[in-house]
Amino acid sequence: MFSAGVTLFLMLNKCPPFRSANLKDPYFRRLSAQDKKAFWKIFSNFNIEIEDKFKDLFERMSERNPSNRLSISEVRAHKWLSDQTLTLS
């Protein structure tokens, strides 16, 4: 689930959320903190607009403790995913 969250973040924002899933990585350390505002501020500085529903989904998919991460059924039921529509070009 963790890797799926990172992949989804990369696909939507065209940049990775962090370089390494290690507390020595400054981005990952901010994502792992209780208050994640510092993590999201990084991306707002790059003029990347990320909606709150996606932030919630990503934070819950990339939870450091695997037992606290969302299951696939919880991801499928998440509000951000249910609001998405597929458009074919």
N, C-alpha and C. Protein backbone atom coordinates (compact mmCIF):
# COMPACT_ATOMS: atom_id res chain seq x y z
N MET A 1 0.82 -1.18 0.00
CA MET A 1 0.00 0.00 0.00
C MET A 1 0.88 1.26 0.00
N PHE A 2 1.98 1.19 0.76
CA PHE A 2 2.89 2.33 0.82
C PHE A 2 3.40 2.69 -0.57
N SER A 3 3.87 1.70 -1.30
CA SER A 3 4.39 1.94 -2.66
C SER A 3 3.32 2.45 -3.60
N ALA A 4 2.10 1.94 -3.46
CA ALA A 4 1.00 2.42 -4.30
C ALA A 4 0.72 3.89 -4.02
N GLY A 5 0.79 4.30 -2.76
CA GLY A 5 0.59 5.70 -2.42
C GLY A 5 1.67 6.60 -3.02
N VAL A 6 2.92 6.15 -2.94
CA VAL A 6 4.02 6.92 -3.51
C VAL A 6 3.87 7.01 -5.03
N THR A 7 3.50 5.92 -5.66
CA THR A 7 3.30 5.91 -7.11
C THR A 7 2.17 6.84 -7.51
N LEU A 8 1.08 6.82 -6.77
CA LEU A 8 -0.05 7.71 -7.05
C LEU A 8 0.38 9.17 -6.90
N PHE A 9 1.13 9.47 -5.86
CA PHE A 9 1.62 10.84 -5.66
C PHE A 9 2.47 11.27 -6.85
N LEU A 10 3.36 10.41 -7.28
CA LEU A 10 4.25 10.70 -8.40
C LEU A 10 3.46 10.92 -9.69
N MET A 11 2.47 10.09 -9.94
CA MET A 11 1.66 10.22 -11.15
C MET A 11 0.90 11.54 -11.17
N LEU A 12 0.35 11.94 -10.04
CA LEU A 12 -0.48 13.16 -9.99
C LEU A 12 0.34 14.44 -9.96
N ASN A 13 1.47 14.41 -9.28
CA ASN A 13 2.22 15.64 -9.05
C ASN A 13 3.50 15.75 -9.87
N LYS A 14 3.81 14.70 -10.61
CA LYS A 14 4.98 14.68 -11.50
C LYS A 14 6.29 14.92 -10.76
N CYS A 15 6.30 14.53 -9.48
CA CYS A 15 7.52 14.57 -8.69
C CYS A 15 7.34 13.59 -7.53
N PRO A 16 8.42 13.03 -7.03
CA PRO A 16 8.30 12.10 -5.91
C PRO A 16 8.04 12.86 -4.60
N PRO A 17 7.39 12.22 -3.65
CA PRO A 17 7.13 12.88 -2.37
C PRO A 17 8.38 13.00 -1.49
N PHE A 18 9.35 12.13 -1.70
CA PHE A 18 10.60 12.12 -0.95
C PHE A 18 11.60 11.27 -1.72
N ARG A 19 12.86 11.34 -1.32
CA ARG A 19 13.90 10.55 -2.01
C ARG A 19 14.04 9.16 -1.42
N SER A 20 13.90 9.06 -0.11
CA SER A 20 14.09 7.79 0.57
C SER A 20 13.12 7.69 1.74
N ALA A 21 12.51 6.53 1.91
CA ALA A 21 11.59 6.32 3.03
C ALA A 21 12.41 6.04 4.29
N ASN A 22 13.11 7.08 4.72
CA ASN A 22 14.03 6.99 5.83
C ASN A 22 13.95 8.32 6.58
N LEU A 23 14.00 8.28 7.90
CA LEU A 23 13.86 9.51 8.68
C LEU A 23 15.02 10.48 8.47
N LYS A 24 16.09 10.05 7.83
CA LYS A 24 17.18 10.96 7.49
C LYS A 24 16.81 11.83 6.29
N ASP A 25 15.84 11.39 5.49
CA ASP A 25 15.35 12.17 4.36
C ASP A 25 14.46 13.29 4.92
N PRO A 26 14.77 14.56 4.65
CA PRO A 26 13.99 15.66 5.24
C PRO A 26 12.51 15.67 4.85
N TYR A 27 12.20 15.29 3.63
CA TYR A 27 10.79 15.26 3.20
C TYR A 27 10.05 14.14 3.92
N PHE A 28 10.65 12.96 3.96
CA PHE A 28 10.00 11.83 4.63
C PHE A 28 9.84 12.09 6.12
N ARG A 29 10.82 12.74 6.73
CA ARG A 29 10.73 13.07 8.15
C ARG A 29 9.52 13.98 8.40
N ARG A 30 9.29 14.95 7.52
CA ARG A 30 8.13 15.84 7.66
C ARG A 30 6.82 15.08 7.46
N LEU A 31 6.81 14.16 6.49
CA LEU A 31 5.62 13.35 6.26
C LEU A 31 5.33 12.44 7.45
N SER A 32 6.36 11.99 8.13
CA SER A 32 6.21 11.08 9.27
C SER A 32 5.85 11.80 10.56
N ALA A 33 5.96 13.12 10.57
CA ALA A 33 5.65 13.88 11.78
C ALA A 33 4.16 13.86 12.08
N GLN A 34 3.82 14.14 13.31
CA GLN A 34 2.41 14.20 13.71
C GLN A 34 1.68 15.29 12.91
N ASP A 35 2.29 16.47 12.82
CA ASP A 35 1.72 17.59 12.07
C ASP A 35 2.38 17.61 10.70
N LYS A 36 1.63 17.34 9.67
CA LYS A 36 2.18 17.17 8.32
C LYS A 36 2.17 18.47 7.50
N LYS A 37 1.82 19.60 8.12
CA LYS A 37 1.75 20.87 7.39
C LYS A 37 3.09 21.23 6.76
N ALA A 38 4.20 20.95 7.44
CA ALA A 38 5.53 21.28 6.90
C ALA A 38 5.80 20.47 5.64
N PHE A 39 5.32 19.22 5.59
CA PHE A 39 5.49 18.40 4.39
C PHE A 39 4.74 19.02 3.22
N TRP A 40 3.48 19.36 3.41
CA TRP A 40 2.67 19.90 2.32
C TRP A 40 3.12 21.30 1.90
N LYS A 41 3.71 22.05 2.81
CA LYS A 41 4.21 23.39 2.49
C LYS A 41 5.32 23.31 1.44
N ILE A 42 6.12 22.25 1.48
CA ILE A 42 7.18 22.06 0.49
C ILE A 42 6.60 22.13 -0.91
N PHE A 43 5.50 21.43 -1.14
CA PHE A 43 4.93 21.34 -2.47
C PHE A 43 4.18 22.60 -2.86
N SER A 44 3.62 23.30 -1.89
CA SER A 44 2.98 24.57 -2.22
C SER A 44 4.03 25.59 -2.64
N ASN A 45 5.25 25.46 -2.11
CA ASN A 45 6.35 26.34 -2.53
C ASN A 45 6.73 26.12 -3.99
N PHE A 46 6.44 24.92 -4.51
CA PHE A 46 6.71 24.59 -5.92
C PHE A 46 5.49 24.87 -6.80
N ASN A 47 4.49 25.55 -6.22
CA ASN A 47 3.25 25.86 -6.93
C ASN A 47 2.51 24.60 -7.38
N ILE A 48 2.60 23.56 -6.59
CA ILE A 48 1.85 22.33 -6.85
C ILE A 48 0.62 22.38 -5.95
N GLU A 49 -0.55 22.41 -6.57
CA GLU A 49 -1.79 22.48 -5.81
C GLU A 49 -2.32 21.06 -5.58
N ILE A 50 -2.46 20.71 -4.32
CA ILE A 50 -2.89 19.35 -3.97
C ILE A 50 -4.14 19.48 -3.11
N GLU A 51 -5.21 18.81 -3.53
CA GLU A 51 -6.46 18.94 -2.78
C GLU A 51 -6.42 18.16 -1.47
N ASP A 52 -7.20 18.64 -0.52
CA ASP A 52 -7.20 18.07 0.82
C ASP A 52 -7.58 16.59 0.86
N LYS A 53 -8.52 16.18 0.02
CA LYS A 53 -8.93 14.77 0.00
C LYS A 53 -7.77 13.87 -0.43
N PHE A 54 -6.98 14.36 -1.40
CA PHE A 54 -5.82 13.57 -1.81
C PHE A 54 -4.77 13.54 -0.70
N LYS A 55 -4.56 14.65 -0.03
CA LYS A 55 -3.59 14.69 1.08
C LYS A 55 -3.96 13.64 2.12
N ASP A 56 -5.25 13.57 2.46
CA ASP A 56 -5.71 12.59 3.43
C ASP A 56 -5.43 11.17 2.94
N LEU A 57 -5.77 10.89 1.71
CA LEU A 57 -5.54 9.55 1.15
C LEU A 57 -4.06 9.21 1.17
N PHE A 58 -3.23 10.10 0.67
CA PHE A 58 -1.79 9.83 0.61
C PHE A 58 -1.19 9.63 2.01
N GLU A 59 -1.56 10.49 2.94
CA GLU A 59 -1.03 10.35 4.30
C GLU A 59 -1.41 9.00 4.91
N ARG A 60 -2.61 8.56 4.65
CA ARG A 60 -3.08 7.30 5.23
C ARG A 60 -2.50 6.08 4.50
N MET A 61 -2.18 6.23 3.21
CA MET A 61 -1.54 5.14 2.47
C MET A 61 -0.05 5.03 2.81
N SER A 62 0.56 6.15 3.16
CA SER A 62 2.00 6.17 3.41
C SER A 62 2.35 6.22 4.89
N GLU A 63 1.41 5.85 5.72
CA GLU A 63 1.63 5.79 7.17
C GLU A 63 2.87 4.93 7.46
N ARG A 64 3.76 5.43 8.34
CA ARG A 64 4.99 4.68 8.65
C ARG A 64 4.70 3.30 9.25
N ASN A 65 3.73 3.22 10.10
CA ASN A 65 3.38 1.96 10.75
C ASN A 65 2.44 1.19 9.81
N PRO A 66 2.90 0.05 9.28
CA PRO A 66 2.08 -0.71 8.31
C PRO A 66 0.70 -1.09 8.84
N SER A 67 0.58 -1.33 10.13
CA SER A 67 -0.73 -1.73 10.66
C SER A 67 -1.72 -0.56 10.69
N ASN A 68 -1.23 0.66 10.53
CA ASN A 68 -2.11 1.83 10.50
C ASN A 68 -2.46 2.29 9.08
N ARG A 69 -1.85 1.68 8.08
CA ARG A 69 -2.13 2.06 6.68
C ARG A 69 -3.51 1.56 6.26
N LEU A 70 -4.05 2.24 5.25
CA LEU A 70 -5.32 1.81 4.69
C LEU A 70 -5.19 0.45 4.00
N SER A 71 -6.26 -0.29 4.01
CA SER A 71 -6.32 -1.53 3.23
C SER A 71 -6.78 -1.15 1.81
N ILE A 72 -6.69 -2.09 0.90
CA ILE A 72 -7.12 -1.81 -0.48
C ILE A 72 -8.61 -1.46 -0.52
N SER A 73 -9.41 -2.13 0.29
CA SER A 73 -10.85 -1.82 0.29
C SER A 73 -11.10 -0.42 0.87
N GLU A 74 -10.30 -0.01 1.84
CA GLU A 74 -10.44 1.34 2.39
C GLU A 74 -10.00 2.40 1.37
N VAL A 75 -8.98 2.09 0.60
CA VAL A 75 -8.54 3.01 -0.46
C VAL A 75 -9.64 3.14 -1.49
N ARG A 76 -10.19 2.02 -1.92
CA ARG A 76 -11.25 2.05 -2.94
C ARG A 76 -12.47 2.83 -2.47
N ALA A 77 -12.73 2.84 -1.16
CA ALA A 77 -13.90 3.54 -0.61
C ALA A 77 -13.58 4.99 -0.24
N HIS A 78 -12.34 5.40 -0.36
CA HIS A 78 -11.95 6.76 0.05
C HIS A 78 -12.64 7.81 -0.81
N LYS A 79 -13.00 8.91 -0.19
CA LYS A 79 -13.74 9.99 -0.86
C LYS A 79 -12.99 10.55 -2.07
N TRP A 80 -11.66 10.68 -1.99
CA TRP A 80 -10.92 11.23 -3.12
C TRP A 80 -11.08 10.33 -4.35
N LEU A 81 -10.97 9.05 -4.16
CA LEU A 81 -11.06 8.12 -5.29
C LEU A 81 -12.48 8.05 -5.84
N SER A 82 -13.47 8.09 -4.98
CA SER A 82 -14.85 8.01 -5.45
C SER A 82 -15.27 9.29 -6.19
N ASP A 83 -14.56 10.40 -5.97
CA ASP A 83 -14.88 11.65 -6.67
C ASP A 83 -14.23 11.75 -8.03
N GLN A 84 -13.31 10.84 -8.36
CA GLN A 84 -12.58 10.92 -9.63
C GLN A 84 -13.42 10.35 -10.76
N THR A 85 -13.26 10.95 -11.93
CA THR A 85 -13.91 10.44 -13.13
C THR A 85 -12.85 10.21 -14.19
N LEU A 86 -13.02 9.19 -14.95
CA LEU A 86 -12.09 8.83 -16.01
C LEU A 86 -12.52 9.51 -17.29
N THR A 87 -11.59 10.23 -17.91
CA THR A 87 -11.87 10.83 -19.21
C THR A 87 -10.86 10.29 -20.20
N LEU A 88 -11.36 9.82 -21.31
CA LEU A 88 -10.49 9.28 -22.35
C LEU A 88 -10.33 10.33 -23.43
N SER A 89 -9.11 10.50 -23.91
CA SER A 89 -8.90 11.48 -24.97
C SER A 89 -8.62 10.81 -26.28
